[in-house]
C-alpha cells in the first residue's frame, strides 16, 4: 500500500504542481524555477501529493487490505519518497544517461 500511495502522491504532486503551482522552487536550492523543472516543488503539488496518499491508504484500509494503523506510516512513507524523488530529479537526473 505504501508503494502505491507513493506513486499516487508523486503523480498527483507532479501534475497538480505543473498545472496549478503558483510558485515552484528547486528542492535543492529553493530558488524559483519554471513549473515542470526536474526537482521543482510547489505548495499546491505538495498538498496534492499528501491528499493522494491519504486517499489511497484510506481506500486500502476501507477494503480490508491494511489495518487502520497503517494509515499514518503509508502517508509518511509516501511523503518522504516523493521528496527523495524530487531530490534525485534535481541532482542527478539528466546527468546520468540511464536516469
PDB file of N, CA and C in Angstrom:
ATOM      1  N   UNK A   1       0.819  -1.191   0.000  1.00  0.00           N
ATOM      2  CA  UNK A   1       0.000   0.000   0.000  1.00  0.00           C
ATOM      3  C   UNK A   1       0.867   1.260   0.000  1.00  0.00           C
ATOM      4  N   UNK A   2       1.947   1.248   0.768  1.00  0.00           N
ATOM      5  CA  UNK A   2       2.820   2.426   0.819  1.00  0.00           C
ATOM      6  C   UNK A   2       3.423   2.712  -0.547  1.00  0.00           C
ATOM      7  N   UNK A   3       3.753   1.655  -1.272  1.00  0.00           N
ATOM      8  CA  UNK A   3       4.309   1.840  -2.616  1.00  0.00           C
ATOM      9  C   UNK A   3       3.299   2.495  -3.552  1.00  0.00           C
ATOM     10  N   UNK A   4       2.076   2.016  -3.519  1.00  0.00           N
ATOM     11  CA  UNK A   4       1.038   2.608  -4.370  1.00  0.00           C
ATOM     12  C   UNK A   4       0.696   4.026  -3.928  1.00  0.00           C
ATOM     13  N   UNK A   5       0.679   4.264  -2.623  1.00  0.00           N
ATOM     14  CA  UNK A   5       0.424   5.612  -2.111  1.00  0.00           C
ATOM     15  C   UNK A   5       1.528   6.562  -2.559  1.00  0.00           C
ATOM     16  N   UNK A   6       2.759   6.071  -2.598  1.00  0.00           N
ATOM     17  CA  UNK A   6       3.883   6.883  -3.061  1.00  0.00           C
ATOM     18  C   UNK A   6       3.727   7.232  -4.532  1.00  0.00           C
ATOM     19  N   UNK A   7       3.351   6.274  -5.336  1.00  0.00           N
ATOM     20  CA  UNK A   7       3.176   6.519  -6.771  1.00  0.00           C
ATOM     21  C   UNK A   7       2.064   7.531  -7.019  1.00  0.00           C
ATOM     22  N   UNK A   8       0.943   7.375  -6.327  1.00  0.00           N
ATOM     23  CA  UNK A   8      -0.149   8.335  -6.499  1.00  0.00           C
ATOM     24  C   UNK A   8       0.264   9.715  -5.991  1.00  0.00           C
ATOM     25  N   UNK A   9       0.996   9.768  -4.881  1.00  0.00           N
ATOM     26  CA  UNK A   9       1.460  11.053  -4.356  1.00  0.00           C
ATOM     27  C   UNK A   9       2.382  11.736  -5.362  1.00  0.00           C
ATOM     28  N   UNK A  10       3.291  10.977  -5.953  1.00  0.00           N
ATOM     29  CA  UNK A  10       4.236  11.540  -6.923  1.00  0.00           C
ATOM     30  C   UNK A  10       3.505  12.050  -8.160  1.00  0.00           C
ATOM     31  N   UNK A  11       2.602  11.250  -8.692  1.00  0.00           N
ATOM     32  CA  UNK A  11       1.859  11.654  -9.886  1.00  0.00           C
ATOM     33  C   UNK A  11       0.978  12.864  -9.598  1.00  0.00           C
ATOM     34  N   UNK A  12       0.274  12.836  -8.485  1.00  0.00           N
ATOM     35  CA  UNK A  12      -0.597  13.961  -8.117  1.00  0.00           C
ATOM     36  C   UNK A  12       0.209  15.231  -7.931  1.00  0.00           C
ATOM     37  N   UNK A  13       1.307  15.133  -7.197  1.00  0.00           N
ATOM     38  CA  UNK A  13       2.140  16.307  -6.943  1.00  0.00           C
ATOM     39  C   UNK A  13       2.705  16.874  -8.242  1.00  0.00           C
ATOM     40  N   UNK A  14       3.164  16.000  -9.120  1.00  0.00           N
ATOM     41  CA  UNK A  14       3.746  16.453 -10.387  1.00  0.00           C
ATOM     42  C   UNK A  14       2.714  17.151 -11.263  1.00  0.00           C
ATOM     43  N   UNK A  15       1.587  16.503 -11.447  1.00  0.00           N
ATOM     44  CA  UNK A  15       0.580  17.056 -12.358  1.00  0.00           C
ATOM     45  C   UNK A  15      -0.080  18.318 -11.803  1.00  0.00           C
ATOM     46  N   UNK A  16      -0.437  18.305 -10.545  1.00  0.00           N
ATOM     47  CA  UNK A  16      -1.059  19.491  -9.943  1.00  0.00           C
ATOM     48  C   UNK A  16      -0.041  20.623  -9.841  1.00  0.00           C
ATOM     49  N   UNK A  17       1.188  20.289  -9.480  1.00  0.00           N
ATOM     50  CA  UNK A  17       2.226  21.314  -9.395  1.00  0.00           C
ATOM     51  C   UNK A  17       2.484  21.990 -10.730  1.00  0.00           C
ATOM     52  N   UNK A  18       2.519  21.199 -11.801  1.00  0.00           N
ATOM     53  CA  UNK A  18       2.723  21.773 -13.143  1.00  0.00           C
ATOM     54  C   UNK A  18       1.544  22.640 -13.565  1.00  0.00           C
ATOM     55  N   UNK A  19       0.347  22.175 -13.293  1.00  0.00           N
ATOM     56  CA  UNK A  19      -0.853  22.869 -13.769  1.00  0.00           C
ATOM     57  C   UNK A  19      -1.266  24.040 -12.883  1.00  0.00           C
ATOM     58  N   UNK A  20      -1.113  23.896 -11.566  1.00  0.00           N
ATOM     59  CA  UNK A  20      -1.668  24.897 -10.659  1.00  0.00           C
ATOM     60  C   UNK A  20      -0.650  25.520  -9.707  1.00  0.00           C
ATOM     61  N   UNK A  21       0.602  25.080  -9.781  1.00  0.00           N
ATOM     62  CA  UNK A  21       1.611  25.627  -8.875  1.00  0.00           C
ATOM     63  C   UNK A  21       1.850  27.102  -9.137  1.00  0.00           C
ATOM     64  N   UNK A  22       1.573  27.924  -8.142  1.00  0.00           N
ATOM     65  CA  UNK A  22       1.766  29.373  -8.303  1.00  0.00           C
ATOM     66  C   UNK A  22       3.243  29.733  -8.242  1.00  0.00           C
ATOM     67  N   UNK A  23       3.965  29.089  -7.346  1.00  0.00           N
ATOM     68  CA  UNK A  23       5.401  29.307  -7.206  1.00  0.00           C
ATOM     69  C   UNK A  23       6.076  27.956  -7.082  1.00  0.00           C
ATOM     70  N   UNK A  24       7.011  27.682  -7.968  1.00  0.00           N
ATOM     71  CA  UNK A  24       7.746  26.420  -7.903  1.00  0.00           C
ATOM     72  C   UNK A  24       9.203  26.715  -7.594  1.00  0.00           C
ATOM     73  N   UNK A  25       9.770  25.868  -6.752  1.00  0.00           N
ATOM     74  CA  UNK A  25      11.136  26.059  -6.293  1.00  0.00           C
ATOM     75  C   UNK A  25      11.917  24.766  -6.478  1.00  0.00           C
ATOM     76  N   UNK A  26      13.202  24.899  -6.779  1.00  0.00           N
ATOM     77  CA  UNK A  26      14.061  23.728  -6.876  1.00  0.00           C
ATOM     78  C   UNK A  26      14.296  23.218  -5.462  1.00  0.00           C
ATOM     79  N   UNK A  27      14.046  21.945  -5.229  1.00  0.00           N
ATOM     80  CA  UNK A  27      14.096  21.388  -3.881  1.00  0.00           C
ATOM     81  C   UNK A  27      15.490  21.486  -3.259  1.00  0.00           C
ATOM     82  N   UNK A  28      16.532  21.518  -4.067  1.00  0.00           N
ATOM     83  CA  UNK A  28      17.889  21.552  -3.530  1.00  0.00           C
ATOM     84  C   UNK A  28      18.362  22.949  -3.160  1.00  0.00           C
ATOM     85  N   UNK A  29      17.851  23.974  -3.828  1.00  0.00           N
ATOM     86  CA  UNK A  29      18.329  25.339  -3.578  1.00  0.00           C
ATOM     87  C   UNK A  29      17.235  26.295  -3.117  1.00  0.00           C
ATOM     88  N   UNK A  30      15.991  25.891  -3.286  1.00  0.00           N
ATOM     89  CA  UNK A  30      14.814  26.717  -3.004  1.00  0.00           C
ATOM     90  C   UNK A  30      14.757  27.982  -3.856  1.00  0.00           C
ATOM     91  N   UNK A  31      15.459  27.960  -4.982  1.00  0.00           N
ATOM     92  CA  UNK A  31      15.385  29.076  -5.932  1.00  0.00           C
ATOM     93  C   UNK A  31      14.183  28.868  -6.848  1.00  0.00           C
ATOM     94  N   UNK A  32      13.505  29.957  -7.230  1.00  0.00           N
ATOM     95  CA  UNK A  32      12.362  29.822  -8.140  1.00  0.00           C
ATOM     96  C   UNK A  32      12.776  29.222  -9.485  1.00  0.00           C
ATOM     97  N   UNK A  33      11.955  28.294  -9.989  1.00  0.00           N
ATOM     98  CA  UNK A  33      12.178  27.673 -11.297  1.00  0.00           C
ATOM     99  C   UNK A  33      10.833  27.553 -11.994  1.00  0.00           C
ATOM    100  N   UNK A  34      10.840  27.370 -13.320  1.00  0.00           N
ATOM    101  CA  UNK A  34       9.566  27.194 -14.032  1.00  0.00           C
ATOM    102  C   UNK A  34       8.888  25.877 -13.647  1.00  0.00           C
ATOM    103  N   UNK A  35       7.549  25.862 -13.651  1.00  0.00           N
ATOM    104  CA  UNK A  35       6.842  24.601 -13.405  1.00  0.00           C
ATOM    105  C   UNK A  35       7.276  23.541 -14.411  1.00  0.00           C
ATOM    106  N   UNK A  36       7.407  22.315 -13.954  1.00  0.00           N
ATOM    107  CA  UNK A  36       7.820  21.227 -14.832  1.00  0.00           C
ATOM    108  C   UNK A  36       9.309  20.945 -14.787  1.00  0.00           C
ATOM    109  N   UNK A  37      10.076  21.818 -14.142  1.00  0.00           N
ATOM    110  CA  UNK A  37      11.516  21.592 -13.999  1.00  0.00           C
ATOM    111  C   UNK A  37      11.740  20.366 -13.119  1.00  0.00           C
ATOM    112  N   UNK A  38      12.692  19.508 -13.521  1.00  0.00           N
ATOM    113  CA  UNK A  38      13.007  18.332 -12.700  1.00  0.00           C
ATOM    114  C   UNK A  38      13.473  18.790 -11.326  1.00  0.00           C
ATOM    115  N   UNK A  39      12.836  18.265 -10.285  1.00  0.00           N
ATOM    116  CA  UNK A  39      13.194  18.619  -8.921  1.00  0.00           C
ATOM    117  C   UNK A  39      12.452  19.821  -8.376  1.00  0.00           C
ATOM    118  N   UNK A  40      11.530  20.376  -9.169  1.00  0.00           N
ATOM    119  CA  UNK A  40      10.747  21.524  -8.704  1.00  0.00           C
ATOM    120  C   UNK A  40       9.633  21.052  -7.776  1.00  0.00           C
ATOM    121  N   UNK A  41       9.358  21.849  -6.755  1.00  0.00           N
ATOM    122  CA  UNK A  41       8.270  21.560  -5.831  1.00  0.00           C
ATOM    123  C   UNK A  41       7.425  22.817  -5.650  1.00  0.00           C
ATOM    124  N   UNK A  42       6.161  22.608  -5.323  1.00  0.00           N
ATOM    125  CA  UNK A  42       5.266  23.728  -5.036  1.00  0.00           C
ATOM    126  C   UNK A  42       4.355  23.338  -3.891  1.00  0.00           C
ATOM    127  N   UNK A  43       3.800  24.318  -3.236  1.00  0.00           N
ATOM    128  CA  UNK A  43       2.876  24.043  -2.141  1.00  0.00           C
ATOM    129  C   UNK A  43       1.645  23.295  -2.650  1.00  0.00           C
ATOM    130  N   UNK A  44       1.146  23.698  -3.819  1.00  0.00           N
ATOM    131  CA  UNK A  44      -0.024  23.040  -4.392  1.00  0.00           C
ATOM    132  C   UNK A  44       0.270  21.579  -4.725  1.00  0.00           C
ATOM    133  N   UNK A  45       1.432  21.326  -5.297  1.00  0.00           N
ATOM    134  CA  UNK A  45       1.823  19.958  -5.607  1.00  0.00           C
ATOM    135  C   UNK A  45       2.027  19.128  -4.350  1.00  0.00           C
ATOM    136  N   UNK A  46       2.651  19.730  -3.366  1.00  0.00           N
ATOM    137  CA  UNK A  46       2.862  19.043  -2.097  1.00  0.00           C
ATOM    138  C   UNK A  46       1.527  18.640  -1.476  1.00  0.00           C
ATOM    139  N   UNK A  47       0.583  19.561  -1.451  1.00  0.00           N
ATOM    140  CA  UNK A  47      -0.737  19.275  -0.885  1.00  0.00           C
ATOM    141  C   UNK A  47      -1.436  18.168  -1.667  1.00  0.00           C
ATOM    142  N   UNK A  48      -1.355  18.218  -2.987  1.00  0.00           N
ATOM    143  CA  UNK A  48      -1.982  17.188  -3.819  1.00  0.00           C
ATOM    144  C   UNK A  48      -1.357  15.822  -3.554  1.00  0.00           C
ATOM    145  N   UNK A  49      -0.052  15.781  -3.366  1.00  0.00           N
ATOM    146  CA  UNK A  49       0.618  14.524  -3.068  1.00  0.00           C
ATOM    147  C   UNK A  49       0.174  13.930  -1.744  1.00  0.00           C
ATOM    148  N   UNK A  50       0.067  14.774  -0.732  1.00  0.00           N
ATOM    149  CA  UNK A  50      -0.383  14.302   0.577  1.00  0.00           C
ATOM    150  C   UNK A  50      -1.825  13.796   0.492  1.00  0.00           C
ATOM    151  N   UNK A  51      -2.683  14.548  -0.184  1.00  0.00           N
ATOM    152  CA  UNK A  51      -4.078  14.119  -0.335  1.00  0.00           C
ATOM    153  C   UNK A  51      -4.156  12.795  -1.098  1.00  0.00           C
ATOM    154  N   UNK A  52      -3.373  12.664  -2.162  1.00  0.00           N
ATOM    155  CA  UNK A  52      -3.366  11.420  -2.930  1.00  0.00           C
ATOM    156  C   UNK A  52      -2.964  10.226  -2.087  1.00  0.00           C
ATOM    157  N   UNK A  53      -1.933  10.396  -1.258  1.00  0.00           N
ATOM    158  CA  UNK A  53      -1.500   9.278  -0.412  1.00  0.00           C
ATOM    159  C   UNK A  53      -2.538   8.949   0.653  1.00  0.00           C
ATOM    160  N   UNK A  54      -3.210   9.971   1.181  1.00  0.00           N
ATOM    161  CA  UNK A  54      -4.271   9.727   2.164  1.00  0.00           C
ATOM    162  C   UNK A  54      -5.421   8.949   1.524  1.00  0.00           C
ATOM    163  N   UNK A  55      -5.817   9.370   0.333  1.00  0.00           N
ATOM    164  CA  UNK A  55      -6.935   8.706  -0.357  1.00  0.00           C
ATOM    165  C   UNK A  55      -6.615   7.235  -0.617  1.00  0.00           C
ATOM    166  N   UNK A  56      -5.429   6.968  -1.131  1.00  0.00           N
ATOM    167  CA  UNK A  56      -5.105   5.587  -1.456  1.00  0.00           C
ATOM    168  C   UNK A  56      -4.960   4.727  -0.206  1.00  0.00           C
ATOM    169  N   UNK A  57      -4.280   5.246   0.812  1.00  0.00           N
ATOM    170  CA  UNK A  57      -4.118   4.467   2.044  1.00  0.00           C
ATOM    171  C   UNK A  57      -5.473   4.230   2.716  1.00  0.00           C
ATOM    172  N   UNK A  58      -6.338   5.237   2.726  1.00  0.00           N
ATOM    173  CA  UNK A  58      -7.666   5.085   3.333  1.00  0.00           C
ATOM    174  C   UNK A  58      -8.501   4.069   2.555  1.00  0.00           C
ATOM    175  N   UNK A  59      -8.389   4.081   1.244  1.00  0.00           N
ATOM    176  CA  UNK A  59      -9.122   3.108   0.429  1.00  0.00           C
ATOM    177  C   UNK A  59      -8.647   1.691   0.740  1.00  0.00           C
ATOM    178  N   UNK A  60      -7.333   1.514   0.862  1.00  0.00           N
ATOM    179  CA  UNK A  60      -6.797   0.187   1.178  1.00  0.00           C
ATOM    180  C   UNK A  60      -7.315  -0.300   2.529  1.00  0.00           C
ATOM    181  N   UNK A  61      -7.431   0.613   3.467  1.00  0.00           N
ATOM    182  CA  UNK A  61      -7.970   0.254   4.783  1.00  0.00           C
ATOM    183  C   UNK A  61      -9.462  -0.079   4.663  1.00  0.00           C
ATOM    184  N   UNK A  62     -10.185   0.732   3.912  1.00  0.00           N
ATOM    185  CA  UNK A  62     -11.632   0.539   3.767  1.00  0.00           C
ATOM    186  C   UNK A  62     -11.992  -0.801   3.137  1.00  0.00           C
ATOM    187  N   UNK A  63     -11.159  -1.288   2.226  1.00  0.00           N
ATOM    188  CA  UNK A  63     -11.471  -2.572   1.578  1.00  0.00           C
ATOM    189  C   UNK A  63     -10.780  -3.753   2.250  1.00  0.00           C
ATOM    190  N   UNK A  64     -10.111  -3.474   3.362  1.00  0.00           N
ATOM    191  CA  UNK A  64      -9.531  -4.553   4.153  1.00  0.00           C
ATOM    192  C   UNK A  64      -8.140  -4.996   3.770  1.00  0.00           C
ATOM    193  N   UNK A  65      -7.442  -4.249   2.943  1.00  0.00           N
ATOM    194  CA  UNK A  65      -6.073  -4.630   2.585  1.00  0.00           C
ATOM    195  C   UNK A  65      -5.075  -4.301   3.694  1.00  0.00           C
ATOM    196  N   UNK A  66      -5.374  -3.287   4.476  1.00  0.00           N
ATOM    197  CA  UNK A  66      -4.492  -2.870   5.563  1.00  0.00           C
ATOM    198  C   UNK A  66      -5.305  -2.596   6.814  1.00  0.00           C
ATOM    199  N   UNK A  67      -4.628  -2.661   7.937  1.00  0.00           N
ATOM    200  CA  UNK A  67      -5.222  -2.269   9.204  1.00  0.00           C
ATOM    201  C   UNK A  67      -5.151  -0.743   9.315  1.00  0.00           C
ATOM    202  N   UNK A  68      -6.037  -0.166  10.088  1.00  0.00           N
ATOM    203  CA  UNK A  68      -6.083   1.288  10.240  1.00  0.00           C
ATOM    204  C   UNK A  68      -4.760   1.866  10.749  1.00  0.00           C
ATOM    205  N   UNK A  69      -4.008   1.074  11.468  1.00  0.00           N
ATOM    206  CA  UNK A  69      -2.723   1.556  11.995  1.00  0.00           C
ATOM    207  C   UNK A  69      -1.704   1.810  10.878  1.00  0.00           C
ATOM    208  N   UNK A  70      -1.987   1.350   9.670  1.00  0.00           N
ATOM    209  CA  UNK A  70      -1.071   1.561   8.541  1.00  0.00           C
ATOM    210  C   UNK A  70      -1.255   2.913   7.866  1.00  0.00           C
ATOM    211  N   UNK A  71      -2.299   3.647   8.219  1.00  0.00           N
ATOM    212  CA  UNK A  71      -2.586   4.913   7.535  1.00  0.00           C
ATOM    213  C   UNK A  71      -1.437   5.911   7.665  1.00  0.00           C
ATOM    214  N   UNK A  72      -1.047   6.236   8.864  1.00  0.00           N
ATOM    215  CA  UNK A  72      -0.008   7.255   9.066  1.00  0.00           C
ATOM    216  C   UNK A  72       1.343   6.804   8.487  1.00  0.00           C
ATOM    217  N   UNK A  73       1.787   5.559   8.730  1.00  0.00           N
ATOM    218  CA  UNK A  73       3.055   5.142   8.102  1.00  0.00           C
ATOM    219  C   UNK A  73       3.035   5.224   6.572  1.00  0.00           C
ATOM    220  N   UNK A  74       1.908   4.897   5.950  1.00  0.00           N
ATOM    221  CA  UNK A  74       1.807   4.995   4.485  1.00  0.00           C
ATOM    222  C   UNK A  74       1.936   6.439   4.025  1.00  0.00           C
ATOM    223  N   UNK A  75       1.291   7.347   4.724  1.00  0.00           N
ATOM    224  CA  UNK A  75       1.353   8.761   4.356  1.00  0.00           C
ATOM    225  C   UNK A  75       2.771   9.297   4.537  1.00  0.00           C
ATOM    226  N   UNK A  76       3.401   8.952   5.641  1.00  0.00           N
ATOM    227  CA  UNK A  76       4.778   9.411   5.892  1.00  0.00           C
ATOM    228  C   UNK A  76       5.734   8.835   4.851  1.00  0.00           C
ATOM    229  N   UNK A  77       5.602   7.550   4.561  1.00  0.00           N
ATOM    230  CA  UNK A  77       6.472   6.918   3.560  1.00  0.00           C
ATOM    231  C   UNK A  77       6.295   7.572   2.191  1.00  0.00           C
ATOM    232  N   UNK A  78       5.048   7.849   1.819  1.00  0.00           N
ATOM    233  CA  UNK A  78       4.789   8.485   0.526  1.00  0.00           C
ATOM    234  C   UNK A  78       5.377   9.886   0.483  1.00  0.00           C
ATOM    235  N   UNK A  79       5.248  10.640   1.562  1.00  0.00           N
ATOM    236  CA  UNK A  79       5.791  11.999   1.622  1.00  0.00           C
ATOM    237  C   UNK A  79       7.313  11.978   1.477  1.00  0.00           C
ATOM    238  N   UNK A  80       7.960  11.096   2.221  1.00  0.00           N
ATOM    239  CA  UNK A  80       9.424  11.008   2.158  1.00  0.00           C
ATOM    240  C   UNK A  80       9.879  10.573   0.766  1.00  0.00           C
ATOM    241  N   UNK A  81       9.277   9.521   0.241  1.00  0.00           N
ATOM    242  CA  UNK A  81       9.680   9.011  -1.074  1.00  0.00           C
ATOM    243  C   UNK A  81       9.438  10.041  -2.172  1.00  0.00           C
ATOM    244  N   UNK A  82       8.344  10.762  -2.092  1.00  0.00           N
ATOM    245  CA  UNK A  82       8.034  11.783  -3.092  1.00  0.00           C
ATOM    246  C   UNK A  82       9.110  12.871  -3.088  1.00  0.00           C
ATOM    247  N   UNK A  83       9.537  13.292  -1.903  1.00  0.00           N
ATOM    248  CA  UNK A  83      10.564  14.326  -1.815  1.00  0.00           C
ATOM    249  C   UNK A  83      11.951  13.807  -2.196  1.00  0.00           C
ATOM    250  N   UNK A  84      12.227  12.558  -1.883  1.00  0.00           N
ATOM    251  CA  UNK A  84      13.501  11.962  -2.320  1.00  0.00           C
ATOM    252  C   UNK A  84      13.546  11.894  -3.845  1.00  0.00           C
ATOM    253  N   UNK A  85      12.417  11.550  -4.464  1.00  0.00           N
ATOM    254  CA  UNK A  85      12.366  11.524  -5.929  1.00  0.00           C
ATOM    255  C   UNK A  85      12.632  12.914  -6.506  1.00  0.00           C
ATOM    256  N   UNK A  86      12.120  13.936  -5.864  1.00  0.00           N
ATOM    257  CA  UNK A  86      12.389  15.306  -6.312  1.00  0.00           C
ATOM    258  C   UNK A  86      13.868  15.657  -6.141  1.00  0.00           C
ATOM    259  N   UNK A  87      14.464  15.210  -5.042  1.00  0.00           N
ATOM    260  CA  UNK A  87      15.901  15.436  -4.839  1.00  0.00           C
ATOM    261  C   UNK A  87      16.729  14.754  -5.919  1.00  0.00           C
ATOM    262  N   UNK A  88      16.353  13.533  -6.259  1.00  0.00           N
ATOM    263  CA  UNK A  88      17.053  12.812  -7.332  1.00  0.00           C
ATOM    264  C   UNK A  88      16.885  13.560  -8.650  1.00  0.00           C
ATOM    265  N   UNK A  89      15.673  14.000  -8.935  1.00  0.00           N
ATOM    266  CA  UNK A  89      15.419  14.744 -10.168  1.00  0.00           C
ATOM    267  C   UNK A  89      16.244  16.019 -10.245  1.00  0.00           C
ATOM    268  N   UNK A  90      16.381  16.706  -9.130  1.00  0.00           N
ATOM    269  CA  UNK A  90      17.120  17.966  -9.114  1.00  0.00           C
ATOM    270  C   UNK A  90      18.626  17.767  -9.168  1.00  0.00           C
ATOM    271  N   UNK A  91      19.098  16.647  -8.634  1.00  0.00           N
ATOM    272  CA  UNK A  91      20.548  16.494  -8.504  1.00  0.00           C
ATOM    273  C   UNK A  91      21.208  15.634  -9.577  1.00  0.00           C
ATOM    274  N   UNK A  92      20.600  14.538  -9.978  1.00  0.00           N
ATOM    275  CA  UNK A  92      21.296  13.652 -10.917  1.00  0.00           C
ATOM    276  C   UNK A  92      20.558  13.340 -12.206  1.00  0.00           C
ATOM    277  N   UNK A  93      19.243  13.552 -12.230  1.00  0.00           N
ATOM    278  CA  UNK A  93      18.510  13.220 -13.452  1.00  0.00           C
ATOM    279  C   UNK A  93      18.967  14.136 -14.578  1.00  0.00           C
ATOM    280  N   UNK A  94      19.261  13.564 -15.708  1.00  0.00           N
ATOM    281  CA  UNK A  94      19.768  14.319 -16.846  1.00  0.00           C
ATOM    282  C   UNK A  94      21.287  14.318 -16.910  1.00  0.00           C
ATOM    283  N   UNK A  95      21.924  14.037 -15.792  1.00  0.00           N
ATOM    284  CA  UNK A  95      23.385  13.955 -15.760  1.00  0.00           C
ATOM    285  C   UNK A  95      23.876  12.526 -15.904  1.00  0.00           C
ATOM    286  N   UNK A  96      23.005  11.596 -15.538  1.00  0.00           N
ATOM    287  CA  UNK A  96      23.324  10.173 -15.667  1.00  0.00           C
ATOM    288  C   UNK A  96      22.404   9.627 -16.764  1.00  0.00           C
ATOM    289  N   UNK A  97      22.964   9.114 -17.843  1.00  0.00           N
ATOM    290  CA  UNK A  97      22.173   8.734 -19.017  1.00  0.00           C
ATOM    291  C   UNK A  97      21.000   7.791 -18.746  1.00  0.00           C
ATOM    292  N   UNK A  98      21.139   6.827 -17.862  1.00  0.00           N
ATOM    293  CA  UNK A  98      20.078   5.856 -17.657  1.00  0.00           C
ATOM    294  C   UNK A  98      18.980   6.353 -16.722  1.00  0.00           C
ATOM    295  N   UNK A  99      19.114   7.556 -16.185  1.00  0.00           N
ATOM    296  CA  UNK A  99      18.079   8.081 -15.294  1.00  0.00           C
ATOM    297  C   UNK A  99      17.184   8.931 -16.130  1.00  0.00           C
TER     298      UNK A  99
END
